[in-house]
């Protein structure tokens, strides 16, 4: 049986939300010191970026399809920023740990 990348992690207990709109918005808090991945689910298509002080744009952001849970690698201390593609929504960012 093949292992998915998300099979290597477990929930760390912290989930933050971002309200996506026509302006970039970031998580309120950086991910924890033992967090190296996050699972993201969005209610609408968004552009995402990851950094200590991120600003998502259509140019620098990765396209994330709505209703498609995806695991992304992050570094401890980073935040996640989101920008709507065409419609505002909610982005759920759940921290994962090993």
C-alpha atoms as a PDB file:
ATOM      1  CA  UNK A   1       0.000   0.000   0.000  1.00  0.00           C
ATOM      2  CA  UNK A   2       1.377   3.394  -0.968  1.00  0.00           C
ATOM      3  CA  UNK A   3       1.778   6.044   1.707  1.00  0.00           C
ATOM      4  CA  UNK A   4       0.588   9.565   1.150  1.00  0.00           C
ATOM      5  CA  UNK A   5       2.635  12.445   2.519  1.00  0.00           C
ATOM      6  CA  UNK A   6      -0.217  13.256   4.915  1.00  0.00           C
ATOM      7  CA  UNK A   7       0.053   9.718   6.368  1.00  0.00           C
ATOM      8  CA  UNK A   8       3.358  10.763   7.930  1.00  0.00           C
ATOM      9  CA  UNK A   9       1.787  13.416  10.158  1.00  0.00           C
ATOM     10  CA  UNK A  10      -0.865  13.703  12.839  1.00  0.00           C
ATOM     11  CA  UNK A  11      -2.967  16.695  13.911  1.00  0.00           C
ATOM     12  CA  UNK A  12      -1.175  19.036  16.312  1.00  0.00           C
ATOM     13  CA  UNK A  13      -4.473  20.353  17.689  1.00  0.00           C
ATOM     14  CA  UNK A  14      -4.226  23.886  16.297  1.00  0.00           C
ATOM     15  CA  UNK A  15      -6.492  25.098  13.485  1.00  0.00           C
ATOM     16  CA  UNK A  16      -6.647  28.715  12.382  1.00  0.00           C
ATOM     17  CA  UNK A  17      -8.961  30.375   9.879  1.00  0.00           C
ATOM     18  CA  UNK A  18      -8.377  33.060   7.286  1.00  0.00           C
ATOM     19  CA  UNK A  19     -11.194  34.998   5.649  1.00  0.00           C
ATOM     20  CA  UNK A  20     -10.164  35.288   2.014  1.00  0.00           C
ATOM     21  CA  UNK A  21     -11.042  38.454   0.129  1.00  0.00           C
ATOM     22  CA  UNK A  22      -9.663  40.757  -2.547  1.00  0.00           C
ATOM     23  CA  UNK A  23      -6.806  41.696  -0.184  1.00  0.00           C
ATOM     24  CA  UNK A  24      -4.233  39.278   1.178  1.00  0.00           C
ATOM     25  CA  UNK A  25      -4.923  38.103   4.737  1.00  0.00           C
ATOM     26  CA  UNK A  26      -2.734  35.924   6.959  1.00  0.00           C
ATOM     27  CA  UNK A  27      -3.178  33.636   9.930  1.00  0.00           C
ATOM     28  CA  UNK A  28      -3.103  35.524  13.229  1.00  0.00           C
ATOM     29  CA  UNK A  29      -0.384  33.304  14.669  1.00  0.00           C
ATOM     30  CA  UNK A  30       2.677  31.627  13.227  1.00  0.00           C
ATOM     31  CA  UNK A  31       2.747  27.834  13.207  1.00  0.00           C
ATOM     32  CA  UNK A  32       4.324  26.160  16.229  1.00  0.00           C
ATOM     33  CA  UNK A  33       7.977  25.351  16.800  1.00  0.00           C
ATOM     34  CA  UNK A  34       7.380  21.665  16.044  1.00  0.00           C
ATOM     35  CA  UNK A  35       5.144  22.204  13.007  1.00  0.00           C
ATOM     36  CA  UNK A  36       6.572  21.259   9.601  1.00  0.00           C
ATOM     37  CA  UNK A  37       3.325  20.743   7.664  1.00  0.00           C
ATOM     38  CA  UNK A  38      -0.225  22.082   7.501  1.00  0.00           C
ATOM     39  CA  UNK A  39      -3.386  20.749   5.917  1.00  0.00           C
ATOM     40  CA  UNK A  40      -5.415  23.442   4.218  1.00  0.00           C
ATOM     41  CA  UNK A  41      -9.063  23.339   3.145  1.00  0.00           C
ATOM     42  CA  UNK A  42     -10.743  26.358   1.571  1.00  0.00           C
ATOM     43  CA  UNK A  43     -14.403  27.022   0.856  1.00  0.00           C
ATOM     44  CA  UNK A  44     -13.443  28.976  -2.305  1.00  0.00           C
ATOM     45  CA  UNK A  45     -10.440  28.937  -4.661  1.00  0.00           C
ATOM     46  CA  UNK A  46      -7.507  30.928  -3.245  1.00  0.00           C
ATOM     47  CA  UNK A  47      -3.867  31.778  -3.802  1.00  0.00           C
ATOM     48  CA  UNK A  48      -1.639  30.820  -0.850  1.00  0.00           C
ATOM     49  CA  UNK A  49       1.823  31.785   0.271  1.00  0.00           C
ATOM     50  CA  UNK A  50       3.937  30.847   3.295  1.00  0.00           C
ATOM     51  CA  UNK A  51       6.471  33.078   5.078  1.00  0.00           C
ATOM     52  CA  UNK A  52       7.190  34.846   8.362  1.00  0.00           C
ATOM     53  CA  UNK A  53       5.259  37.883   7.057  1.00  0.00           C
ATOM     54  CA  UNK A  54       3.437  36.608   3.949  1.00  0.00           C
ATOM     55  CA  UNK A  55       1.432  38.538   1.386  1.00  0.00           C
ATOM     56  CA  UNK A  56      -0.408  36.362  -1.132  1.00  0.00           C
ATOM     57  CA  UNK A  57      -0.787  37.568  -4.711  1.00  0.00           C
ATOM     58  CA  UNK A  58      -1.873  35.913  -7.940  1.00  0.00           C
ATOM     59  CA  UNK A  59       1.789  36.108  -9.005  1.00  0.00           C
ATOM     60  CA  UNK A  60       3.584  34.659  -5.957  1.00  0.00           C
ATOM     61  CA  UNK A  61       0.829  32.456  -4.559  1.00  0.00           C
ATOM     62  CA  UNK A  62       0.152  28.806  -5.243  1.00  0.00           C
ATOM     63  CA  UNK A  63      -3.372  28.126  -6.548  1.00  0.00           C
ATOM     64  CA  UNK A  64      -5.437  26.088  -4.072  1.00  0.00           C
ATOM     65  CA  UNK A  65      -8.697  24.501  -5.294  1.00  0.00           C
ATOM     66  CA  UNK A  66     -11.753  24.846  -3.041  1.00  0.00           C
ATOM     67  CA  UNK A  67     -12.924  21.788  -1.090  1.00  0.00           C
ATOM     68  CA  UNK A  68      -9.626  20.007  -1.815  1.00  0.00           C
ATOM     69  CA  UNK A  69      -7.705  19.207   1.411  1.00  0.00           C
ATOM     70  CA  UNK A  70      -3.992  19.532   0.692  1.00  0.00           C
ATOM     71  CA  UNK A  71      -0.934  19.136   2.897  1.00  0.00           C
ATOM     72  CA  UNK A  72       1.832  21.720   2.483  1.00  0.00           C
ATOM     73  CA  UNK A  73       5.308  21.782   3.985  1.00  0.00           C
ATOM     74  CA  UNK A  74       6.010  24.813   6.205  1.00  0.00           C
ATOM     75  CA  UNK A  75       8.801  25.925   8.511  1.00  0.00           C
ATOM     76  CA  UNK A  76       8.294  26.620  12.213  1.00  0.00           C
ATOM     77  CA  UNK A  77       7.396  30.267  12.747  1.00  0.00           C
ATOM     78  CA  UNK A  78       5.805  30.788   9.344  1.00  0.00           C
ATOM     79  CA  UNK A  79       2.318  32.128   8.692  1.00  0.00           C
ATOM     80  CA  UNK A  80      -0.066  31.349   5.831  1.00  0.00           C
ATOM     81  CA  UNK A  81      -1.594  34.094   3.691  1.00  0.00           C
ATOM     82  CA  UNK A  82      -4.540  33.737   1.322  1.00  0.00           C
ATOM     83  CA  UNK A  83      -6.042  35.814  -1.478  1.00  0.00           C
ATOM     84  CA  UNK A  84      -9.363  35.012  -3.149  1.00  0.00           C
ATOM     85  CA  UNK A  85      -9.324  34.015  -6.815  1.00  0.00           C
ATOM     86  CA  UNK A  86     -12.824  35.331  -7.544  1.00  0.00           C
ATOM     87  CA  UNK A  87     -15.053  34.827  -4.473  1.00  0.00           C
ATOM     88  CA  UNK A  88     -14.333  35.330  -0.772  1.00  0.00           C
ATOM     89  CA  UNK A  89     -14.485  32.395   1.609  1.00  0.00           C
ATOM     90  CA  UNK A  90     -12.865  30.721   4.593  1.00  0.00           C
ATOM     91  CA  UNK A  91      -9.487  28.978   4.622  1.00  0.00           C
ATOM     92  CA  UNK A  92      -8.847  26.403   7.379  1.00  0.00           C
ATOM     93  CA  UNK A  93      -5.192  25.886   8.314  1.00  0.00           C
ATOM     94  CA  UNK A  94      -4.559  22.836  10.533  1.00  0.00           C
ATOM     95  CA  UNK A  95      -1.102  22.264  11.966  1.00  0.00           C
ATOM     96  CA  UNK A  96       0.426  18.800  11.703  1.00  0.00           C
ATOM     97  CA  UNK A  97       3.248  17.161  13.636  1.00  0.00           C
ATOM     98  CA  UNK A  98       5.176  13.892  13.414  1.00  0.00           C
END
